[in-house]
Amino acid sequence: MNSSSPAIEIEQLVREFRKGPRAVDGIDLAVSPGEIYGFLGPNGAGKSTTVLMLTTLLPPTSGRARVGGYDILRQGSQVRASIGAALQEAALDAILTGREHLMLQATLQGMPKADRTRRAQELLERVGLTEAADRRVGGYSGGMKRRLDLALALVHGPRILFLDEPTTGLDLQSRSALWEEVARLAKEEGMTVFLTTQYLEEADALADRVGIIDHGKIVAEGTPTQLKEEIGSPTVEVVPADAGAGDALAQRLASFGQLARNGRGAVTVQLPGGESQLAEVVRVLDQAHLKVASLQLHQPSLDDVFLAKTGRKLEGAGEDQDERQP
């Protein structure tokens, strides 16, 4: 694959299930080498179906896609050799230990015997499982299983990594540890990461670019910052020390932009000029001798973007039956 070519390239990709709607409805996207691409959407949006096609586990109904420079239909074996994948269901054997899983995976990948032990130990250390390496996986927590699944996807040193909702059901500490490792893989090793998620904070924290998919179609795409800027400017919420000063406060802040009254005399106002206007807001309040109980700046969030693009909020992090049972 040429370093200037997309690591993942999709053109009008469609997957239609028998007696069902189009799970993926003609999407186009390109992911650059070394980029973390966040594929964000609710249950049933088409995220997992897209990943199954890109990893050659499910043929598309129509359209085309290239992964690592290889066609997913005609060059499936080359695609599989180029990628690692940690899908929603980790294929782990409860009887085997973590180390045995990694040794088995290294054997299946054709790794020379002399390298298997070294690679297994290296990956156990990387994902923080050295102390649990020789325990049976049946006794692992959910977070430990997800970290082992990630290590298994990395055994053969893939150039492209697919993570399908990798932190669903994990506690905050396990989620943060996995985020750190994914960010390190992209930054230090130049690995391309295609990440599906329902967690807005996950996409915001990790992704270089985000694609929002809804009902099988991509409804928005861009960097998290670009998407937030598209739907509006930041707002500042001012709560006066005296609830009766709300009218005076609103009068003073009206010149900045659109106002909203929030109770307790509080006023929220948009700042078309961005957060740089915050100092000006403070000066206006000071000149009017208006005492403030609190002043908070609110930036648009990916939740706001999702609401603007789809008409609803993104909630939950469950699994989708339609996507999982072709």
Foldseek 3Di string as FASTA:
>chain_A
DDLAAFQKWWFQFWADDPPGGILAGTETDTHHFLFEEEEAEAFSLNPLLVVCQQLLNDPTPDTWMDHRNHTSPPPNVVSNLQEFEQAPDQPFDQAFFLLVLQLVLCVVNVHDPVCSNVLSVVLCVLLVNPVRRRPGCNPDDPLVSLSSSVSSRCSSPHQEYEYEASCAPHDPVSVVSVLVSVQCCSPVVRHYYYYYHLDQVSCLVRGQKYFYTGNNYTQDIDGQVVLLVVLAAKKKKWQFPQLVCLVVLCVLCVVQADWDQDPSSMIMGGHRVHPVCVVVSVVSCVVVVTHTPDMDIGGGGVQNSCCVRPVDGRDDTDHHPVSVPD
